[in-house]
Structure formats: C-alpha cells, structure tokens
Amino acid sequence: MQKRKLGASGPEVGAIGLGCMSFAGFFGTADDEVSLACLDAAVEAGIDFWDTSNIYGMGRSERVIGRYLAEKKPDVVLASKVGIVPGPPRSFNNAEDHIRAELDASLKRLGRSKLELYYIHRREAERPVEEVAETMGRLIEEGLIDAWGLSEVAPSTLRRAHAVVPVTAVQNEYSLWTRQPELGLIQACAELGVAFVPFSPLARGMFGQAPVAPGTFADTDFRKSNPRFTQPNFGANEAHVAEFRSYCAAKGWTVSAAALAWVLEKGEHLIPIPGTRTAAHLREWLGALDIAFTAEDRAEIDRILPAGFAHGDRYGDHQILGVERYC
C-alpha cells in the first residue's frame, strides 16, 4: 500500500483508508461477522486508516472495531467523530462537556486510551469555532487525542480553527459526482498542510462494480429518500455512470478502482475513505493504486462525467442540516 501523510505533522497512513459507516447498516442490513471479515481484508491490503463515529449505529460501528482490535491487535490509525445529537429533531453540540463525555464513551467502545484523530462531525453554528479549537487543543495536551479535524465545513471555518489549534484533517464528501471541495477547500487544505479526507468517494455505491438498484433499498437505507437516488434524477445519473462503467470495462479497470484513482490524483494530501461492509467490495478498490490515467483518459472521463453532471442535490433538505455551504 502506498503511503500518504496525515497532515503536516501526522503519521503516514495508507493512501486509501476505510470508512466504517456501513458496519452500522446505513446502506443495507449489516452483519458484524461480515464487517469483521471486511476488517481482515483491510489489514491484508495495508489499509491502516479507519474512520468511524459515535453515531454510526449509536456506537455499533465503534463496538465492531473495538472487538476486532481486541482480538487481532492490528497497527492502525483510528479516527472517530463527535458533535451530532440524533433526533428527532437532529441537533449539534460542540460544548466541551459533551465532547469529553462522548470521547470517553467512544474510547470505551473501541478499547483504546486515546484516538489518533478526532473530528467535529458537524459544527454547531452558534458556537465560535475558535472555542471548539481550544477544547480540542486541551484534549491533545491531555493525551486523549493526537490530533483533531473538522467535517463538512467551509474553507473560512478551517482557516479560523487552524489559526487557534492546527487542524490535521478535514473530511468532506468528494467524488466524481460531488465536486464542491474543488471550489476552495482542497486548495485551503494544501496551503495549510491539512489532509483532505474525501468521504463517499464512490458516490454511496454509485461507482460500484454492479449497478445500484434503488428498488431494493431497505426503508432504513440512507439513499431511499436521497435526491440523487430517486426518480427522475436516478435514471439520468445512471445513464452517465453506465457509460463510465463501459469505459472502465474497455480499459480493464473496475469501476470503483477508476473512480478512486480519479480522487487520488487530485493531490498528495488527499486520503479517501471509501466505505463498505464486505471484503469483496473492498478488494475491488485496490486496483486504484495501479491506474495511471493518460491525458486521453482524463479527457474521456471529463466528457462522460463532466463537473456538475449529477442530477439532484447530494442531500435532501432533511439530510443537509449542519453542512456548511460556501458557494
């Protein structure tokens, strides 16, 4: 596995990380044994940067990882998150007492005495981000976390926070069909020495090897009511992706490997964290590290999937609460 630096002063980790949200059943029924087998495949592939959150299955994802760590004791860099308070209605809390209590609970579930990286999952808009940075700085000083990060924020928020306590990573959605971070955030991260961690780089399964079938989504599936996966948007999106799928097949690439290679090429400070709950899907990604696009490949991908091709917003109004919009 190729290595990339997790921020200016962070550790080196595999260029591809692992998002563990699926372990909690967000995209279909989860099975802990299947999730554990997926972690085996990650270790085998050299994927040593794992990402989870306190709210993924209300601790279920962290518990699965904690069980694996206790049994297998792999050498991995762990990231978790705090700040979302599930509803209804959903709210956000970046107060120090809340952050500390949730960190303590996460560490217990993970069987760890500290986290290498701890994100503010969503910013509490009413609370100055400088205050939050000071809280995270104290956690670093106390040895409870090694570094901190932000998720779904604007470049202006990153700059304000970084000026108080250096930020190690920013995690925002970024893929061939979600391109907003190109409008300032990727550049700000590069300028400040902050890792940019794209989540959903495979477009919530849209860039999987097999076509997505919304009619099979469980009622609990996050995509069930997502604008890009409902008609007529889904049909239009699938037409684009089907052409990309054909192009990848002609080149001998898996669809997920090609989509991930496109993300990896956008900068050495990008460390994407595709998510899955199965070892088979994880293995489909690994060819990304062997793909070297030609100028002709890039031009053809841009033709098939031009910036802004996606029909529908990446979140519905009921899902976007707490996400900072800056363009």
Protein backbone atom coordinates (compact mmCIF):
# COMPACT_ATOMS: atom_id res chain seq x y z
CA MET A 1 0.00 0.00 0.00
CA GLN A 2 1.34 3.41 -0.95
CA LYS A 3 1.59 5.84 1.96
CA ARG A 4 0.46 9.43 2.41
CA LYS A 5 1.00 11.88 5.25
CA LEU A 6 -1.98 12.56 7.52
CA GLY A 7 -1.45 16.30 7.83
CA ALA A 8 1.81 18.20 8.14
CA SER A 9 2.86 16.56 11.39
CA GLY A 10 0.72 13.42 11.42
CA PRO A 11 1.65 9.80 10.79
CA GLU A 12 1.99 8.14 7.40
CA VAL A 13 -1.03 6.01 6.54
CA GLY A 14 -2.17 4.01 3.55
CA ALA A 15 -3.21 6.20 0.62
CA ILE A 16 -6.66 4.58 0.81
CA GLY A 17 -8.47 4.45 4.14
CA LEU A 18 -11.64 2.70 5.22
CA GLY A 19 -14.95 4.30 6.12
CA CYS A 20 -16.84 2.16 8.64
CA MET A 21 -20.30 3.74 8.49
CA SER A 22 -21.70 0.71 6.63
CA PHE A 23 -20.95 -1.51 9.65
CA ALA A 24 -23.98 0.14 11.28
CA GLY A 25 -26.47 -0.66 8.50
CA PHE A 26 -26.83 2.73 6.83
CA PHE A 27 -26.75 1.16 3.35
CA GLY A 28 -28.48 -2.14 3.98
CA THR A 29 -28.54 -4.78 6.67
CA ALA A 30 -25.21 -5.12 8.47
CA ASP A 31 -23.78 -8.30 9.92
CA ASP A 32 -20.99 -7.98 12.48
CA GLU A 33 -19.22 -11.12 11.28
CA VAL A 34 -19.21 -9.80 7.72
CA SER A 35 -17.86 -6.48 8.99
CA LEU A 36 -15.08 -8.27 10.87
CA ALA A 37 -14.15 -10.13 7.69
CA CYS A 38 -14.01 -6.77 5.90
CA LEU A 39 -11.52 -5.54 8.51
CA ASP A 40 -9.44 -8.66 7.88
CA ALA A 41 -9.34 -7.74 4.19
CA ALA A 42 -8.38 -4.16 5.05
CA VAL A 43 -5.45 -5.32 7.16
CA GLU A 44 -4.36 -7.73 4.43
CA ALA A 45 -4.41 -4.88 1.90
CA GLY A 46 -2.45 -2.50 4.12
CA ILE A 47 -5.43 -0.20 4.74
CA ASP A 48 -4.48 1.13 8.17
CA PHE A 49 -6.55 4.34 8.48
CA TRP A 50 -10.06 3.55 9.73
CA ASP A 51 -12.85 6.06 10.17
CA THR A 52 -15.95 5.75 12.33
CA SER A 53 -18.25 7.89 14.51
CA ASN A 54 -20.08 7.75 17.80
CA ILE A 55 -23.43 7.91 15.97
CA TYR A 56 -22.86 5.13 13.44
CA GLY A 57 -25.45 2.70 14.72
CA MET A 58 -25.32 4.57 18.04
CA GLY A 59 -21.93 3.04 18.79
CA ARG A 60 -22.31 -0.19 16.82
CA SER A 61 -19.54 0.61 14.32
CA GLU A 62 -17.15 1.50 17.15
CA ARG A 63 -18.04 -1.67 19.02
CA VAL A 64 -17.30 -3.83 15.96
CA ILE A 65 -13.93 -2.12 15.52
CA GLY A 66 -13.22 -2.43 19.24
CA ARG A 67 -13.93 -6.15 19.11
CA TYR A 68 -11.59 -6.55 16.15
CA LEU A 69 -8.83 -4.55 17.84
CA ALA A 70 -9.10 -6.65 20.98
CA GLU A 71 -8.94 -9.93 19.06
CA LYS A 72 -6.43 -9.15 16.28
CA LYS A 73 -4.48 -6.16 17.64
CA PRO A 74 -3.67 -4.58 14.23
CA ASP A 75 -1.49 -1.49 13.98
CA VAL A 76 -3.99 1.07 12.70
CA VAL A 77 -4.71 4.79 12.92
CA LEU A 78 -8.24 5.41 14.20
CA ALA A 79 -10.49 8.39 13.60
CA SER A 80 -13.87 8.97 15.17
CA LYS A 81 -16.23 11.92 15.36
CA VAL A 82 -18.46 13.89 17.71
CA GLY A 83 -20.96 16.71 17.51
CA ILE A 84 -24.18 15.31 16.04
CA VAL A 85 -27.00 14.70 18.50
CA PRO A 86 -29.55 12.38 16.84
CA GLY A 87 -33.15 13.46 16.97
CA PRO A 88 -35.76 13.99 16.15
CA PRO A 89 -35.02 16.74 15.72
CA ARG A 90 -31.35 16.34 14.93
CA SER A 91 -29.13 18.93 16.61
CA PHE A 92 -25.45 19.71 17.16
CA ASN A 93 -23.40 20.11 20.30
CA ASN A 94 -19.76 21.21 20.34
CA ALA A 95 -19.67 22.09 24.04
CA GLU A 96 -16.60 20.84 25.90
CA ASP A 97 -18.54 18.72 28.40
CA HIS A 98 -20.42 16.98 25.58
CA ILE A 99 -17.24 16.37 23.57
CA ARG A 100 -15.46 14.92 26.59
CA ALA A 101 -18.35 12.64 27.54
CA GLU A 102 -18.71 11.32 24.00
CA LEU A 103 -14.96 10.82 23.62
CA ASP A 104 -14.89 8.80 26.82
CA ALA A 105 -17.74 6.62 25.54
CA SER A 106 -16.05 6.14 22.15
CA LEU A 107 -12.77 5.13 23.76
CA LYS A 108 -14.56 2.57 25.91
CA ARG A 109 -16.29 1.05 22.88
CA LEU A 110 -13.02 0.98 20.94
CA GLY A 111 -10.98 -0.35 23.87
CA ARG A 112 -8.50 2.48 23.43
CA SER A 113 -6.90 5.01 25.77
CA LYS A 114 -6.69 7.63 23.00
CA LEU A 115 -7.64 8.38 19.40
CA GLU A 116 -5.17 9.38 16.73
CA LEU A 117 -7.72 11.71 15.13
CA TYR A 118 -10.97 13.15 16.47
CA TYR A 119 -13.31 15.15 14.23
CA ILE A 120 -16.04 17.63 14.92
CA HIS A 121 -18.66 15.77 12.88
CA ARG A 122 -20.78 18.87 12.35
CA ARG A 123 -20.08 22.37 13.53
CA GLU A 124 -22.50 23.93 15.98
CA ALA A 125 -23.14 27.20 14.12
CA GLU A 126 -23.96 29.24 17.22
CA ARG A 127 -20.66 28.39 18.94
CA PRO A 128 -17.44 30.12 17.79
CA VAL A 129 -15.19 27.58 16.13
CA GLU A 130 -12.27 29.15 17.97
CA GLU A 131 -13.80 27.95 21.26
CA VAL A 132 -14.11 24.44 19.82
CA ALA A 133 -10.47 24.54 18.69
CA GLU A 134 -9.40 25.40 22.22
CA THR A 135 -11.37 22.42 23.57
CA MET A 136 -9.70 20.08 21.10
CA GLY A 137 -6.33 21.57 21.96
CA ARG A 138 -6.85 20.67 25.60
CA LEU A 139 -7.70 17.08 24.64
CA ILE A 140 -4.44 16.93 22.70
CA GLU A 141 -2.48 18.32 25.65
CA GLU A 142 -4.04 15.70 27.93
CA GLY A 143 -3.06 12.86 25.59
CA LEU A 144 -6.66 11.81 24.89
CA ILE A 145 -6.29 12.51 21.17
CA ASP A 146 -3.26 13.04 18.95
CA ALA A 147 -4.93 15.43 16.52
CA TRP A 148 -8.24 16.94 15.56
CA GLY A 149 -10.25 17.60 12.44
CA LEU A 150 -13.44 19.06 11.01
CA SER A 151 -16.14 17.60 8.77
CA GLU A 152 -18.42 19.23 6.18
CA VAL A 153 -17.02 22.72 6.73
CA ALA A 154 -16.21 25.74 4.58
CA PRO A 155 -12.66 26.95 3.93
CA SER A 156 -13.31 30.00 6.12
CA THR A 157 -14.14 27.77 9.11
CA LEU A 158 -10.98 25.75 8.55
CA ARG A 159 -8.83 28.88 8.47
CA ARG A 160 -10.38 30.27 11.67
CA ALA A 161 -9.95 26.99 13.54
CA HIS A 162 -6.44 26.31 12.25
CA ALA A 163 -5.26 29.72 13.47
CA VAL A 164 -6.07 28.67 17.05
CA VAL A 165 -5.04 24.98 17.16
CA PRO A 166 -3.62 23.43 13.97
CA VAL A 167 -6.11 21.16 12.22
CA THR A 168 -4.79 17.83 10.95
CA ALA A 169 -7.60 16.79 8.60
CA VAL A 170 -10.83 17.95 7.02
CA GLN A 171 -13.37 15.36 5.93
CA ASN A 172 -15.92 16.39 3.30
CA GLU A 173 -17.77 14.50 0.60
CA TYR A 174 -15.82 14.44 -2.68
CA SER A 175 -16.10 12.26 -5.75
CA LEU A 176 -16.68 12.39 -9.48
CA TRP A 177 -20.25 13.49 -8.80
CA THR A 178 -19.68 15.76 -5.79
CA ARG A 179 -17.14 18.42 -6.68
CA GLN A 180 -17.77 21.38 -4.34
CA PRO A 181 -14.44 20.96 -2.45
CA GLU A 182 -12.65 21.97 -5.66
CA LEU A 183 -14.01 25.48 -5.07
CA GLY A 184 -11.60 26.34 -2.29
CA LEU A 185 -11.44 23.61 0.32
CA ILE A 186 -8.92 21.28 -1.32
CA GLN A 187 -6.73 24.29 -2.02
CA ALA A 188 -7.01 25.64 1.54
CA CYS A 189 -6.03 22.24 2.95
CA ALA A 190 -2.96 22.09 0.70
CA GLU A 191 -1.95 25.62 1.69
CA LEU A 192 -2.27 24.93 5.43
CA GLY A 193 -0.72 21.45 5.44
CA VAL A 194 -4.03 19.81 6.31
CA ALA A 195 -5.01 16.39 4.96
CA PHE A 196 -8.20 16.37 2.93
CA VAL A 197 -10.16 13.16 3.57
CA PRO A 198 -12.86 12.57 0.95
CA PHE A 199 -15.77 10.51 2.22
CA SER A 200 -18.16 8.74 -0.17
CA PRO A 201 -15.53 8.84 -2.95
CA LEU A 202 -17.51 6.06 -4.65
CA ALA A 203 -20.74 8.09 -4.56
CA ARG A 204 -22.56 5.95 -2.00
CA GLY A 205 -22.21 2.86 -4.18
CA MET A 206 -22.98 4.53 -7.50
CA PHE A 207 -19.43 3.78 -8.64
CA GLY A 208 -19.54 0.18 -7.54
CA GLN A 209 -18.92 -2.62 -10.00
CA ALA A 210 -22.60 -3.57 -10.19
CA PRO A 211 -25.35 -1.03 -10.96
CA VAL A 212 -27.29 0.30 -7.99
CA ALA A 213 -30.93 -0.79 -7.76
CA PRO A 214 -32.95 1.73 -5.67
CA GLY A 215 -35.98 -0.54 -5.77
CA THR A 216 -34.12 -2.95 -3.49
CA PHE A 217 -33.19 -0.35 -0.85
CA ALA A 218 -34.42 -1.12 2.65
CA ASP A 219 -36.53 1.53 4.34
CA THR A 220 -33.57 2.26 6.64
CA ASP A 221 -31.18 2.82 3.71
CA PHE A 222 -29.84 6.39 3.72
CA ARG A 223 -30.29 6.55 -0.07
CA LYS A 224 -34.00 5.68 -0.02
CA SER A 225 -35.00 9.36 0.14
CA ASN A 226 -31.81 10.92 -1.23
CA PRO A 227 -32.47 13.16 -4.24
CA ARG A 228 -29.82 11.57 -6.44
CA PHE A 229 -31.26 8.09 -5.96
CA THR A 230 -34.91 8.97 -6.56
CA GLN A 231 -36.58 9.39 -9.94
CA PRO A 232 -36.28 11.09 -12.30
CA ASN A 233 -32.80 12.01 -11.06
CA PHE A 234 -31.60 8.45 -10.64
CA GLY A 235 -32.33 7.47 -14.22
CA ALA A 236 -30.37 10.42 -15.55
CA ASN A 237 -27.46 9.71 -13.21
CA GLU A 238 -27.39 6.01 -14.06
CA ALA A 239 -27.15 6.84 -17.78
CA HIS A 240 -23.92 8.75 -17.15
CA VAL A 241 -22.49 6.09 -14.86
CA ALA A 242 -23.39 3.28 -17.28
CA GLU A 243 -21.23 4.94 -19.93
CA PHE A 244 -18.40 5.31 -17.42
CA ARG A 245 -18.87 1.66 -16.47
CA SER A 246 -18.45 0.65 -20.12
CA TYR A 247 -15.34 2.79 -20.48
CA CYS A 248 -13.78 1.19 -17.39
CA ALA A 249 -14.55 -2.29 -18.70
CA ALA A 250 -12.85 -1.50 -22.00
CA LYS A 251 -9.77 -0.31 -20.11
CA GLY A 252 -9.71 -3.36 -17.83
CA TRP A 253 -10.45 -1.37 -14.69
CA THR A 254 -13.08 -1.98 -12.06
CA VAL A 255 -15.45 0.96 -11.81
CA SER A 256 -14.63 1.60 -8.14
CA ALA A 257 -10.87 1.47 -8.77
CA ALA A 258 -11.12 4.02 -11.57
CA ALA A 259 -13.36 6.37 -9.56
CA LEU A 260 -10.99 6.13 -6.61
CA ALA A 261 -7.91 6.67 -8.80
CA TRP A 262 -9.52 9.88 -10.06
CA VAL A 263 -9.81 11.14 -6.46
CA LEU A 264 -6.28 10.07 -5.53
CA GLU A 265 -4.88 12.01 -8.48
CA LYS A 266 -6.28 15.30 -7.20
CA GLY A 267 -3.46 15.81 -4.69
CA GLU A 268 -0.97 14.01 -2.49
CA HIS A 269 -2.75 15.41 0.57
CA LEU A 270 -5.99 13.54 -0.30
CA ILE A 271 -6.66 10.30 1.61
CA PRO A 272 -10.05 8.95 0.51
CA ILE A 273 -12.03 6.67 2.82
CA PRO A 274 -14.38 4.55 0.70
CA GLY A 275 -16.84 2.59 2.80
CA THR A 276 -18.14 -0.93 2.56
CA ARG A 277 -19.26 -3.77 4.77
CA THR A 278 -17.85 -6.58 2.61
CA ALA A 279 -14.36 -7.82 1.84
CA ALA A 280 -15.33 -8.47 -1.79
CA HIS A 281 -16.21 -4.83 -2.44
CA LEU A 282 -13.07 -3.66 -0.67
CA ARG A 283 -10.89 -5.79 -2.95
CA GLU A 284 -12.49 -4.14 -6.00
CA TRP A 285 -10.92 -0.81 -4.99
CA LEU A 286 -7.33 -1.90 -4.69
CA GLY A 287 -6.53 -1.58 -8.38
CA ALA A 288 -6.85 2.19 -7.96
CA LEU A 289 -3.24 2.35 -6.90
CA ASP A 290 -2.13 0.78 -10.20
CA ILE A 291 -4.11 3.05 -12.51
CA ALA A 292 -2.17 5.82 -14.24
CA PHE A 293 -4.51 7.91 -16.35
CA THR A 294 -3.34 9.24 -19.69
CA ALA A 295 -4.36 12.66 -20.94
CA GLU A 296 -6.84 10.88 -23.21
CA ASP A 297 -8.33 9.01 -20.22
CA ARG A 298 -8.83 12.24 -18.31
CA ALA A 299 -10.46 13.92 -21.28
CA GLU A 300 -12.83 11.00 -21.81
CA ILE A 301 -13.78 10.83 -18.13
CA ASP A 302 -14.45 14.58 -18.21
CA ARG A 303 -16.67 14.07 -21.25
CA ILE A 304 -18.64 11.22 -19.70
CA LEU A 305 -18.85 12.71 -16.20
CA PRO A 306 -18.40 16.47 -16.52
CA ALA A 307 -18.30 18.59 -13.38
CA GLY A 308 -21.87 19.10 -12.23
CA PHE A 309 -23.30 16.16 -14.17
CA ALA A 310 -25.21 14.78 -11.18
CA HIS A 311 -28.97 15.32 -11.17
CA GLY A 312 -30.28 16.25 -7.72
CA ASP A 313 -28.64 17.63 -4.60
CA ARG A 314 -26.28 15.34 -2.70
CA TYR A 315 -28.53 15.68 0.38
CA GLY A 316 -32.26 16.21 0.75
CA ASP A 317 -33.46 19.10 2.87
CA HIS A 318 -33.99 16.61 5.70
CA GLN A 319 -30.36 15.43 5.45
CA ILE A 320 -28.33 18.58 4.88
CA LEU A 321 -28.80 20.21 8.29
CA GLY A 322 -25.41 21.19 9.72
CA VAL A 323 -23.49 21.09 6.44
CA GLU A 324 -21.71 24.37 5.68
CA ARG A 325 -22.42 25.74 2.22
CA TYR A 326 -19.95 28.28 0.86
CA CYS A 327 -20.62 28.55 -2.89
